[in-house]
Amino acid sequence: MIRFLLRAAALLLLASGFVALVLDGTRSIAADTLVWLDAGTLMQSFAAPRLAQLQPAAERLSPLLWDPVLVTALKGPIFLHLSVLGAFLLLLTRRSAPKIGYSSRP
């Protein structure tokens, strides 16, 4: 049951990543330059208080965690984040390959 829910979430994330890619492509064609929605802008519009709490919490763990790592990740395109997370969940929930040389009978 958990595998089904995780796979469904993974497929929804992949579909959302594709929709974000199409929207970014449409914006890029209209603007005649490369335009994408970054994760920081999306997080700022949906969860601004959480984003404000993220910086002190990350700096409390390690000062290097906020500036080079999370700032760079928040500048990345949202379609890439969604697609990578969806692909990771799909890889996490795949069935193991049958072992060669062993009987599959009970």
PDB file of N, CA and C in Angstrom:
ATOM      1  N   MET A   1       0.823  -1.185   0.000  1.00  0.00           N
ATOM      2  CA  MET A   1       0.000   0.000   0.000  1.00  0.00           C
ATOM      3  C   MET A   1       0.875   1.260   0.000  1.00  0.00           C
ATOM      4  N   ILE A   2       1.953   1.245   0.790  1.00  0.00           N
ATOM      5  CA  ILE A   2       2.853   2.390   0.842  1.00  0.00           C
ATOM      6  C   ILE A   2       3.546   2.568  -0.506  1.00  0.00           C
ATOM      7  N   ARG A   3       3.936   1.455  -1.122  1.00  0.00           N
ATOM      8  CA  ARG A   3       4.596   1.534  -2.424  1.00  0.00           C
ATOM      9  C   ARG A   3       3.658   2.168  -3.451  1.00  0.00           C
ATOM     10  N   PHE A   4       2.398   1.808  -3.414  1.00  0.00           N
ATOM     11  CA  PHE A   4       1.430   2.384  -4.344  1.00  0.00           C
ATOM     12  C   PHE A   4       1.308   3.889  -4.139  1.00  0.00           C
ATOM     13  N   LEU A   5       1.230   4.333  -2.886  1.00  0.00           N
ATOM     14  CA  LEU A   5       1.096   5.761  -2.610  1.00  0.00           C
ATOM     15  C   LEU A   5       2.346   6.532  -3.022  1.00  0.00           C
ATOM     16  N   LEU A   6       3.513   5.964  -2.770  1.00  0.00           N
ATOM     17  CA  LEU A   6       4.744   6.631  -3.170  1.00  0.00           C
ATOM     18  C   LEU A   6       4.886   6.685  -4.682  1.00  0.00           C
ATOM     19  N   ARG A   7       4.477   5.602  -5.371  1.00  0.00           N
ATOM     20  CA  ARG A   7       4.544   5.610  -6.835  1.00  0.00           C
ATOM     21  C   ARG A   7       3.542   6.604  -7.412  1.00  0.00           C
ATOM     22  N   ALA A   8       2.369   6.704  -6.817  1.00  0.00           N
ATOM     23  CA  ALA A   8       1.386   7.688  -7.277  1.00  0.00           C
ATOM     24  C   ALA A   8       1.909   9.100  -7.070  1.00  0.00           C
ATOM     25  N   ALA A   9       2.535   9.352  -5.934  1.00  0.00           N
ATOM     26  CA  ALA A   9       3.126  10.667  -5.680  1.00  0.00           C
ATOM     27  C   ALA A   9       4.258  10.948  -6.668  1.00  0.00           C
ATOM     28  N   ALA A  10       5.048   9.926  -6.987  1.00  0.00           N
ATOM     29  CA  ALA A  10       6.144  10.093  -7.941  1.00  0.00           C
ATOM     30  C   ALA A  10       5.618  10.439  -9.321  1.00  0.00           C
ATOM     31  N   LEU A  11       4.568   9.765  -9.737  1.00  0.00           N
ATOM     32  CA  LEU A  11       3.993  10.059 -11.054  1.00  0.00           C
ATOM     33  C   LEU A  11       3.360  11.449 -11.091  1.00  0.00           C
ATOM     34  N   LEU A  12       2.750  11.875  -9.994  1.00  0.00           N
ATOM     35  CA  LEU A  12       2.208  13.227  -9.930  1.00  0.00           C
ATOM     36  C   LEU A  12       3.322  14.272  -9.974  1.00  0.00           C
ATOM     37  N   LEU A  13       4.437  13.996  -9.302  1.00  0.00           N
ATOM     38  CA  LEU A  13       5.579  14.915  -9.344  1.00  0.00           C
ATOM     39  C   LEU A  13       6.161  15.000 -10.751  1.00  0.00           C
ATOM     40  N   LEU A  14       6.278  13.855 -11.420  1.00  0.00           N
ATOM     41  CA  LEU A  14       6.786  13.864 -12.790  1.00  0.00           C
ATOM     42  C   LEU A  14       5.843  14.622 -13.728  1.00  0.00           C
ATOM     43  N   ALA A  15       4.552  14.421 -13.553  1.00  0.00           N
ATOM     44  CA  ALA A  15       3.582  15.141 -14.373  1.00  0.00           C
ATOM     45  C   ALA A  15       3.636  16.643 -14.089  1.00  0.00           C
ATOM     46  N   SER A  16       3.798  17.012 -12.826  1.00  0.00           N
ATOM     47  CA  SER A  16       3.912  18.428 -12.472  1.00  0.00           C
ATOM     48  C   SER A  16       5.182  19.034 -13.052  1.00  0.00           C
ATOM     49  N   GLY A  17       6.260  18.277 -13.033  1.00  0.00           N
ATOM     50  CA  GLY A  17       7.503  18.750 -13.640  1.00  0.00           C
ATOM     51  C   GLY A  17       7.348  18.974 -15.132  1.00  0.00           C
ATOM     52  N   PHE A  18       6.628  18.088 -15.803  1.00  0.00           N
ATOM     53  CA  PHE A  18       6.398  18.250 -17.234  1.00  0.00           C
ATOM     54  C   PHE A  18       5.530  19.474 -17.517  1.00  0.00           C
ATOM     55  N   VAL A  19       4.513  19.681 -16.708  1.00  0.00           N
ATOM     56  CA  VAL A  19       3.651  20.856 -16.880  1.00  0.00           C
ATOM     57  C   VAL A  19       4.464  22.132 -16.656  1.00  0.00           C
ATOM     58  N   ALA A  20       5.321  22.138 -15.637  1.00  0.00           N
ATOM     59  CA  ALA A  20       6.163  23.308 -15.389  1.00  0.00           C
ATOM     60  C   ALA A  20       7.128  23.542 -16.549  1.00  0.00           C
ATOM     61  N   LEU A  21       7.646  22.461 -17.138  1.00  0.00           N
ATOM     62  CA  LEU A  21       8.544  22.591 -18.286  1.00  0.00           C
ATOM     63  C   LEU A  21       7.809  23.196 -19.489  1.00  0.00           C
ATOM     64  N   VAL A  22       6.588  22.754 -19.729  1.00  0.00           N
ATOM     65  CA  VAL A  22       5.799  23.302 -20.836  1.00  0.00           C
ATOM     66  C   VAL A  22       5.484  24.778 -20.590  1.00  0.00           C
ATOM     67  N   LEU A  23       5.122  25.128 -19.364  1.00  0.00           N
ATOM     68  CA  LEU A  23       4.845  26.529 -19.051  1.00  0.00           C
ATOM     69  C   LEU A  23       6.091  27.387 -19.215  1.00  0.00           C
ATOM     70  N   ASP A  24       7.237  26.898 -18.759  1.00  0.00           N
ATOM     71  CA  ASP A  24       8.480  27.644 -18.924  1.00  0.00           C
ATOM     72  C   ASP A  24       8.853  27.769 -20.395  1.00  0.00           C
ATOM     73  N   GLY A  25       8.603  26.738 -21.170  1.00  0.00           N
ATOM     74  CA  GLY A  25       8.857  26.805 -22.601  1.00  0.00           C
ATOM     75  C   GLY A  25       7.971  27.822 -23.281  1.00  0.00           C
ATOM     76  N   THR A  26       6.718  27.881 -22.882  1.00  0.00           N
ATOM     77  CA  THR A  26       5.795  28.849 -23.447  1.00  0.00           C
ATOM     78  C   THR A  26       6.224  30.276 -23.107  1.00  0.00           C
ATOM     79  N   ARG A  27       6.620  30.484 -21.837  1.00  0.00           N
ATOM     80  CA  ARG A  27       7.104  31.805 -21.438  1.00  0.00           C
ATOM     81  C   ARG A  27       8.383  32.179 -22.188  1.00  0.00           C
ATOM     82  N   SER A  28       9.249  31.203 -22.407  1.00  0.00           N
ATOM     83  CA  SER A  28      10.499  31.471 -23.120  1.00  0.00           C
ATOM     84  C   SER A  28      10.244  31.835 -24.576  1.00  0.00           C
ATOM     85  N   ILE A  29       9.303  31.159 -25.206  1.00  0.00           N
ATOM     86  CA  ILE A  29       8.965  31.494 -26.594  1.00  0.00           C
ATOM     87  C   ILE A  29       8.352  32.884 -26.671  1.00  0.00           C
ATOM     88  N   ALA A  30       7.482  33.218 -25.722  1.00  0.00           N
ATOM     89  CA  ALA A  30       6.834  34.533 -25.737  1.00  0.00           C
ATOM     90  C   ALA A  30       7.829  35.657 -25.457  1.00  0.00           C
ATOM     91  N   ALA A  31       8.793  35.403 -24.572  1.00  0.00           N
ATOM     92  CA  ALA A  31       9.756  36.444 -24.216  1.00  0.00           C
ATOM     93  C   ALA A  31      10.957  36.474 -25.150  1.00  0.00           C
ATOM     94  N   ASP A  32      11.094  35.477 -26.004  1.00  0.00           N
ATOM     95  CA  ASP A  32      12.208  35.355 -26.941  1.00  0.00           C
ATOM     96  C   ASP A  32      13.556  35.263 -26.224  1.00  0.00           C
ATOM     97  N   THR A  33      13.540  34.729 -25.032  1.00  0.00           N
ATOM     98  CA  THR A  33      14.746  34.455 -24.255  1.00  0.00           C
ATOM     99  C   THR A  33      14.431  33.317 -23.280  1.00  0.00           C
ATOM    100  N   LEU A  34      15.456  32.743 -22.698  1.00  0.00           N
ATOM    101  CA  LEU A  34      15.246  31.622 -21.781  1.00  0.00           C
ATOM    102  C   LEU A  34      14.713  32.132 -20.441  1.00  0.00           C
ATOM    103  N   VAL A  35      13.522  31.688 -20.084  1.00  0.00           N
ATOM    104  CA  VAL A  35      12.873  32.114 -18.851  1.00  0.00           C
ATOM    105  C   VAL A  35      12.385  30.871 -18.130  1.00  0.00           C
ATOM    106  N   TRP A  36      12.654  30.778 -16.825  1.00  0.00           N
ATOM    107  CA  TRP A  36      12.090  29.687 -16.049  1.00  0.00           C
ATOM    108  C   TRP A  36      11.689  30.178 -14.678  1.00  0.00           C
ATOM    109  N   LEU A  37      10.776  29.463 -14.072  1.00  0.00           N
ATOM    110  CA  LEU A  37      10.320  29.755 -12.719  1.00  0.00           C
ATOM    111  C   LEU A  37      11.251  29.029 -11.766  1.00  0.00           C
ATOM    112  N   ASP A  38      11.936  29.791 -10.913  1.00  0.00           N
ATOM    113  CA  ASP A  38      12.846  29.135  -9.989  1.00  0.00           C
ATOM    114  C   ASP A  38      12.126  28.757  -8.703  1.00  0.00           C
ATOM    115  N   ALA A  39      12.725  27.849  -7.976  1.00  0.00           N
ATOM    116  CA  ALA A  39      12.099  27.299  -6.772  1.00  0.00           C
ATOM    117  C   ALA A  39      11.941  28.357  -5.689  1.00  0.00           C
ATOM    118  N   GLY A  40      12.870  29.293  -5.612  1.00  0.00           N
ATOM    119  CA  GLY A  40      12.784  30.352  -4.598  1.00  0.00           C
ATOM    120  C   GLY A  40      11.592  31.256  -4.815  1.00  0.00           C
ATOM    121  N   THR A  41      11.336  31.609  -6.066  1.00  0.00           N
ATOM    122  CA  THR A  41      10.185  32.463  -6.375  1.00  0.00           C
ATOM    123  C   THR A  41       8.878  31.752  -6.072  1.00  0.00           C
ATOM    124  N   LEU A  42       8.804  30.490  -6.427  1.00  0.00           N
ATOM    125  CA  LEU A  42       7.593  29.715  -6.155  1.00  0.00           C
ATOM    126  C   LEU A  42       7.379  29.558  -4.652  1.00  0.00           C
ATOM    127  N   MET A  43       8.449  29.284  -3.925  1.00  0.00           N
ATOM    128  CA  MET A  43       8.329  29.126  -2.479  1.00  0.00           C
ATOM    129  C   MET A  43       7.990  30.458  -1.815  1.00  0.00           C
ATOM    130  N   GLN A  44       8.516  31.553  -2.363  1.00  0.00           N
ATOM    131  CA  GLN A  44       8.201  32.874  -1.818  1.00  0.00           C
ATOM    132  C   GLN A  44       6.726  33.207  -1.997  1.00  0.00           C
ATOM    133  N   SER A  45       6.136  32.794  -3.110  1.00  0.00           N
ATOM    134  CA  SER A  45       4.735  33.125  -3.352  1.00  0.00           C
ATOM    135  C   SER A  45       3.783  32.217  -2.587  1.00  0.00           C
ATOM    136  N   PHE A  46       4.174  30.976  -2.306  1.00  0.00           N
ATOM    137  CA  PHE A  46       3.273  30.049  -1.617  1.00  0.00           C
ATOM    138  C   PHE A  46       3.541  29.919  -0.129  1.00  0.00           C
ATOM    139  N   ALA A  47       4.797  29.969   0.269  1.00  0.00           N
ATOM    140  CA  ALA A  47       5.138  29.722   1.675  1.00  0.00           C
ATOM    141  C   ALA A  47       6.220  30.689   2.138  1.00  0.00           C
ATOM    142  N   ALA A  48       5.929  31.972   2.104  1.00  0.00           N
ATOM    143  CA  ALA A  48       6.914  32.986   2.484  1.00  0.00           C
ATOM    144  C   ALA A  48       7.364  32.864   3.945  1.00  0.00           C
ATOM    145  N   PRO A  49       6.458  32.597   4.896  1.00  0.00           N
ATOM    146  CA  PRO A  49       6.940  32.459   6.277  1.00  0.00           C
ATOM    147  C   PRO A  49       7.880  31.251   6.461  1.00  0.00           C
ATOM    148  N   ARG A  50       7.605  30.170   5.773  1.00  0.00           N
ATOM    149  CA  ARG A  50       8.483  28.996   5.867  1.00  0.00           C
ATOM    150  C   ARG A  50       9.864  29.285   5.281  1.00  0.00           C
ATOM    151  N   LEU A  51       9.893  30.021   4.184  1.00  0.00           N
ATOM    152  CA  LEU A  51      11.162  30.389   3.573  1.00  0.00           C
ATOM    153  C   LEU A  51      11.958  31.295   4.497  1.00  0.00           C
ATOM    154  N   ALA A  52      11.267  32.194   5.204  1.00  0.00           N
ATOM    155  CA  ALA A  52      11.949  33.067   6.161  1.00  0.00           C
ATOM    156  C   ALA A  52      12.496  32.269   7.344  1.00  0.00           C
ATOM    157  N   GLN A  53      11.825  31.201   7.721  1.00  0.00           N
ATOM    158  CA  GLN A  53      12.302  30.352   8.822  1.00  0.00           C
ATOM    159  C   GLN A  53      13.409  29.405   8.380  1.00  0.00           C
ATOM    160  N   LEU A  54      13.497  29.152   7.078  1.00  0.00           N
ATOM    161  CA  LEU A  54      14.484  28.199   6.577  1.00  0.00           C
ATOM    162  C   LEU A  54      15.910  28.722   6.710  1.00  0.00           C
ATOM    163  N   GLN A  55      16.120  29.996   6.471  1.00  0.00           N
ATOM    164  CA  GLN A  55      17.477  30.535   6.514  1.00  0.00           C
ATOM    165  C   GLN A  55      18.099  30.453   7.907  1.00  0.00           C
ATOM    166  N   PRO A  56      17.441  30.914   8.981  1.00  0.00           N
ATOM    167  CA  PRO A  56      18.082  30.779  10.298  1.00  0.00           C
ATOM    168  C   PRO A  56      18.273  29.326  10.729  1.00  0.00           C
ATOM    169  N   ALA A  57      17.336  28.466  10.345  1.00  0.00           N
ATOM    170  CA  ALA A  57      17.468  27.053  10.723  1.00  0.00           C
ATOM    171  C   ALA A  57      18.652  26.414  10.009  1.00  0.00           C
ATOM    172  N   ALA A  58      18.848  26.729   8.735  1.00  0.00           N
ATOM    173  CA  ALA A  58      19.974  26.165   7.989  1.00  0.00           C
ATOM    174  C   ALA A  58      21.300  26.735   8.487  1.00  0.00           C
ATOM    175  N   GLU A  59      21.328  28.026   8.797  1.00  0.00           N
ATOM    176  CA  GLU A  59      22.559  28.623   9.301  1.00  0.00           C
ATOM    177  C   GLU A  59      22.907  28.122  10.691  1.00  0.00           C
ATOM    178  N   ARG A  60      21.906  27.729  11.460  1.00  0.00           N
ATOM    179  CA  ARG A  60      22.157  27.159  12.780  1.00  0.00           C
ATOM    180  C   ARG A  60      22.863  25.804  12.649  1.00  0.00           C
ATOM    181  N   LEU A  61      22.470  25.026  11.633  1.00  0.00           N
ATOM    182  CA  LEU A  61      23.122  23.730  11.417  1.00  0.00           C
ATOM    183  C   LEU A  61      24.535  23.907  10.890  1.00  0.00           C
ATOM    184  N   SER A  62      24.669  24.717   9.850  1.00  0.00           N
ATOM    185  CA  SER A  62      25.979  24.995   9.269  1.00  0.00           C
ATOM    186  C   SER A  62      25.863  26.256   8.417  1.00  0.00           C
ATOM    187  N   PRO A  63      26.776  27.195   8.589  1.00  0.00           N
ATOM    188  CA  PRO A  63      26.696  28.412   7.774  1.00  0.00           C
ATOM    189  C   PRO A  63      26.876  28.129   6.277  1.00  0.00           C
ATOM    190  N   LEU A  64      27.613  27.082   5.941  1.00  0.00           N
ATOM    191  CA  LEU A  64      27.813  26.737   4.538  1.00  0.00           C
ATOM    192  C   LEU A  64      26.590  26.063   3.923  1.00  0.00           C
ATOM    193  N   LEU A  65      25.699  25.580   4.761  1.00  0.00           N
ATOM    194  CA  LEU A  65      24.502  24.919   4.239  1.00  0.00           C
ATOM    195  C   LEU A  65      23.575  25.923   3.561  1.00  0.00           C
ATOM    196  N   TRP A  66      23.463  27.122   4.107  1.00  0.00           N
ATOM    197  CA  TRP A  66      22.544  28.084   3.521  1.00  0.00           C
ATOM    198  C   TRP A  66      23.101  28.708   2.248  1.00  0.00           C
ATOM    199  N   ASP A  67      24.297  29.333   2.370  1.00  0.00           N
ATOM    200  CA  ASP A  67      24.737  30.157   1.246  1.00  0.00           C
ATOM    201  C   ASP A  67      25.106  29.373  -0.003  1.00  0.00           C
ATOM    202  N   PRO A  68      26.042  28.472  -0.022  1.00  0.00           N
ATOM    203  CA  PRO A  68      26.296  27.848  -1.325  1.00  0.00           C
ATOM    204  C   PRO A  68      25.277  26.776  -1.700  1.00  0.00           C
ATOM    205  N   VAL A  69      24.745  26.059  -0.728  1.00  0.00           N
ATOM    206  CA  VAL A  69      23.916  24.897  -1.063  1.00  0.00           C
ATOM    207  C   VAL A  69      22.457  25.289  -1.315  1.00  0.00           C
ATOM    208  N   LEU A  70      21.788  25.803  -0.312  1.00  0.00           N
ATOM    209  CA  LEU A  70      20.354  26.077  -0.451  1.00  0.00           C
ATOM    210  C   LEU A  70      20.050  27.272  -1.348  1.00  0.00           C
ATOM    211  N   VAL A  71      20.909  28.275  -1.354  1.00  0.00           N
ATOM    212  CA  VAL A  71      20.669  29.412  -2.245  1.00  0.00           C
ATOM    213  C   VAL A  71      20.770  28.960  -3.699  1.00  0.00           C
ATOM    214  N   THR A  72      21.756  28.124  -3.997  1.00  0.00           N
ATOM    215  CA  THR A  72      21.897  27.597  -5.354  1.00  0.00           C
ATOM    216  C   THR A  72      20.710  26.712  -5.722  1.00  0.00           C
ATOM    217  N   ALA A  73      20.250  25.902  -4.774  1.00  0.00           N
ATOM    218  CA  ALA A  73      19.103  25.031  -5.045  1.00  0.00           C
ATOM    219  C   ALA A  73      17.829  25.840  -5.262  1.00  0.00           C
ATOM    220  N   LEU A  74      17.663  26.940  -4.538  1.00  0.00           N
ATOM    221  CA  LEU A  74      16.466  27.763  -4.703  1.00  0.00           C
ATOM    222  C   LEU A  74      16.493  28.564  -5.999  1.00  0.00           C
ATOM    223  N   LYS A  75      17.657  28.735  -6.597  1.00  0.00           N
ATOM    224  CA  LYS A  75      17.736  29.426  -7.882  1.00  0.00           C
ATOM    225  C   LYS A  75      17.502  28.481  -9.058  1.00  0.00           C
ATOM    226  N   GLY A  76      17.444  27.193  -8.804  1.00  0.00           N
ATOM    227  CA  GLY A  76      17.243  26.211  -9.863  1.00  0.00           C
ATOM    228  C   GLY A  76      15.808  26.187 -10.351  1.00  0.00           C
ATOM    229  N   PRO A  77      15.593  25.716 -11.575  1.00  0.00           N
ATOM    230  CA  PRO A  77      14.226  25.682 -12.124  1.00  0.00           C
ATOM    231  C   PRO A  77      13.362  24.650 -11.401  1.00  0.00           C
ATOM    232  N   ILE A  78      12.103  25.000 -11.240  1.00  0.00           N
ATOM    233  CA  ILE A  78      11.193  24.139 -10.478  1.00  0.00           C
ATOM    234  C   ILE A  78      10.900  22.843 -11.222  1.00  0.00           C
ATOM    235  N   PHE A  79      10.893  22.867 -12.562  1.00  0.00           N
ATOM    236  CA  PHE A  79      10.629  21.629 -13.294  1.00  0.00           C
ATOM    237  C   PHE A  79      11.738  20.610 -13.037  1.00  0.00           C
ATOM    238  N   LEU A  80      12.957  21.067 -12.846  1.00  0.00           N
ATOM    239  CA  LEU A  80      14.060  20.159 -12.567  1.00  0.00           C
ATOM    240  C   LEU A  80      13.920  19.542 -11.180  1.00  0.00           C
ATOM    241  N   HIS A  81      13.543  20.344 -10.198  1.00  0.00           N
ATOM    242  CA  HIS A  81      13.352  19.841  -8.836  1.00  0.00           C
ATOM    243  C   HIS A  81      12.241  18.792  -8.788  1.00  0.00           C
ATOM    244  N   LEU A  82      11.119  19.092  -9.425  1.00  0.00           N
ATOM    245  CA  LEU A  82       9.989  18.162  -9.412  1.00  0.00           C
ATOM    246  C   LEU A  82      10.328  16.860 -10.138  1.00  0.00           C
ATOM    247  N   SER A  83      11.013  16.969 -11.267  1.00  0.00           N
ATOM    248  CA  SER A  83      11.349  15.777 -12.046  1.00  0.00           C
ATOM    249  C   SER A  83      12.360  14.894 -11.323  1.00  0.00           C
ATOM    250  N   VAL A  84      13.350  15.498 -10.714  1.00  0.00           N
ATOM    251  CA  VAL A  84      14.363  14.716  -9.993  1.00  0.00           C
ATOM    252  C   VAL A  84      13.741  14.027  -8.783  1.00  0.00           C
ATOM    253  N   LEU A  85      12.894  14.735  -8.050  1.00  0.00           N
ATOM    254  CA  LEU A  85      12.239  14.123  -6.890  1.00  0.00           C
ATOM    255  C   LEU A  85      11.305  12.989  -7.322  1.00  0.00           C
ATOM    256  N   GLY A  86      10.561  13.183  -8.399  1.00  0.00           N
ATOM    257  CA  GLY A  86       9.681  12.130  -8.910  1.00  0.00           C
ATOM    258  C   GLY A  86      10.461  10.912  -9.389  1.00  0.00           C
ATOM    259  N   ALA A  87      11.574  11.144 -10.097  1.00  0.00           N
ATOM    260  CA  ALA A  87      12.394  10.022 -10.567  1.00  0.00           C
ATOM    261  C   ALA A  87      13.021   9.272  -9.395  1.00  0.00           C
ATOM    262  N   PHE A  88      13.434  10.005  -8.367  1.00  0.00           N
ATOM    263  CA  PHE A  88      13.997   9.355  -7.179  1.00  0.00           C
ATOM    264  C   PHE A  88      12.962   8.476  -6.489  1.00  0.00           C
ATOM    265  N   LEU A  89      11.742   8.971  -6.369  1.00  0.00           N
ATOM    266  CA  LEU A  89      10.694   8.156  -5.744  1.00  0.00           C
ATOM    267  C   LEU A  89      10.353   6.934  -6.587  1.00  0.00           C
ATOM    268  N   LEU A  90      10.364   7.083  -7.908  1.00  0.00           N
ATOM    269  CA  LEU A  90      10.117   5.919  -8.761  1.00  0.00           C
ATOM    270  C   LEU A  90      11.226   4.878  -8.614  1.00  0.00           C
ATOM    271  N   LEU A  91      12.463   5.325  -8.553  1.00  0.00           N
ATOM    272  CA  LEU A  91      13.574   4.385  -8.361  1.00  0.00           C
ATOM    273  C   LEU A  91      13.515   3.731  -6.981  1.00  0.00           C
ATOM    274  N   LEU A  92      13.069   4.487  -6.008  1.00  0.00           N
ATOM    275  CA  LEU A  92      12.985   3.966  -4.645  1.00  0.00           C
ATOM    276  C   LEU A  92      11.931   2.871  -4.514  1.00  0.00           C
ATOM    277  N   THR A  93      10.867   2.959  -5.301  1.00  0.00           N
ATOM    278  CA  THR A  93       9.745   2.032  -5.146  1.00  0.00           C
ATOM    279  C   THR A  93       9.694   0.940  -6.207  1.00  0.00           C
ATOM    280  N   ARG A  94      10.730   0.812  -7.010  1.00  0.00           N
ATOM    281  CA  ARG A  94      10.681  -0.238  -8.035  1.00  0.00           C
ATOM    282  C   ARG A  94      10.906  -1.609  -7.401  1.00  0.00           C
ATOM    283  N   ARG A  95      10.372  -2.606  -8.062  1.00  0.00           N
ATOM    284  CA  ARG A  95      10.531  -3.977  -7.574  1.00  0.00           C
ATOM    285  C   ARG A  95      11.935  -4.472  -7.871  1.00  0.00           C
ATOM    286  N   SER A  96      12.438  -5.348  -7.027  1.00  0.00           N
ATOM    287  CA  SER A  96      13.773  -5.890  -7.259  1.00  0.00           C
ATOM    288  C   SER A  96      13.722  -6.916  -8.393  1.00  0.00           C
ATOM    289  N   ALA A  97      14.803  -7.011  -9.119  1.00  0.00           N
ATOM    290  CA  ALA A  97      14.873  -7.949 -10.241  1.00  0.00           C
ATOM    291  C   ALA A  97      14.941  -9.376  -9.713  1.00  0.00           C
ATOM    292  N   PRO A  98      14.323 -10.329 -10.419  1.00  0.00           N
ATOM    293  CA  PRO A  98      14.388 -11.719  -9.955  1.00  0.00           C
ATOM    294  C   PRO A  98      15.832 -12.230 -10.055  1.00  0.00           C
ATOM    295  N   LYS A  99      16.204 -13.033  -9.085  1.00  0.00           N
ATOM    296  CA  LYS A  99      17.561 -13.579  -9.064  1.00  0.00           C
ATOM    297  C   LYS A  99      17.669 -14.714 -10.058  1.00  0.00           C
ATOM    298  N   ILE A 100      18.718 -14.690 -10.832  1.00  0.00           N
ATOM    299  CA  ILE A 100      18.950 -15.726 -11.835  1.00  0.00           C
ATOM    300  C   ILE A 100      19.531 -16.952 -11.154  1.00  0.00           C
ATOM    301  N   GLY A 101      18.985 -18.095 -11.491  1.00  0.00           N
ATOM    302  CA  GLY A 101      19.480 -19.343 -10.926  1.00  0.00           C
ATOM    303  C   GLY A 101      18.711 -19.842  -9.730  1.00  0.00           C
ATOM    304  N   TYR A 102      17.742 -19.059  -9.262  1.00  0.00           N
ATOM    305  CA  TYR A 102      16.918 -19.464  -8.136  1.00  0.00           C
ATOM    306  C   TYR A 102      15.502 -19.725  -8.620  1.00  0.00           C
ATOM    307  N   SER A 103      14.869 -20.683  -8.030  1.00  0.00           N
ATOM    308  CA  SER A 103      13.515 -21.023  -8.415  1.00  0.00           C
ATOM    309  C   SER A 103      12.550 -19.971  -7.869  1.00  0.00           C
ATOM    310  N   SER A 104      11.557 -19.615  -8.690  1.00  0.00           N
ATOM    311  CA  SER A 104      10.563 -18.640  -8.252  1.00  0.00           C
ATOM    312  C   SER A 104       9.340 -19.339  -7.675  1.00  0.00           C
ATOM    313  N   ARG A 105       9.370 -20.651  -7.648  1.00  0.00           N
ATOM    314  CA  ARG A 105       8.251 -21.421  -7.092  1.00  0.00           C
ATOM    315  C   ARG A 105       8.343 -21.419  -5.573  1.00  0.00           C
ATOM    316  N   PRO A 106       7.208 -21.460  -4.924  1.00  0.00           N
ATOM    317  CA  PRO A 106       7.215 -21.484  -3.447  1.00  0.00           C
ATOM    318  C   PRO A 106       7.680 -22.805  -2.871  1.00  0.00           C
TER     319      PRO A 106
END
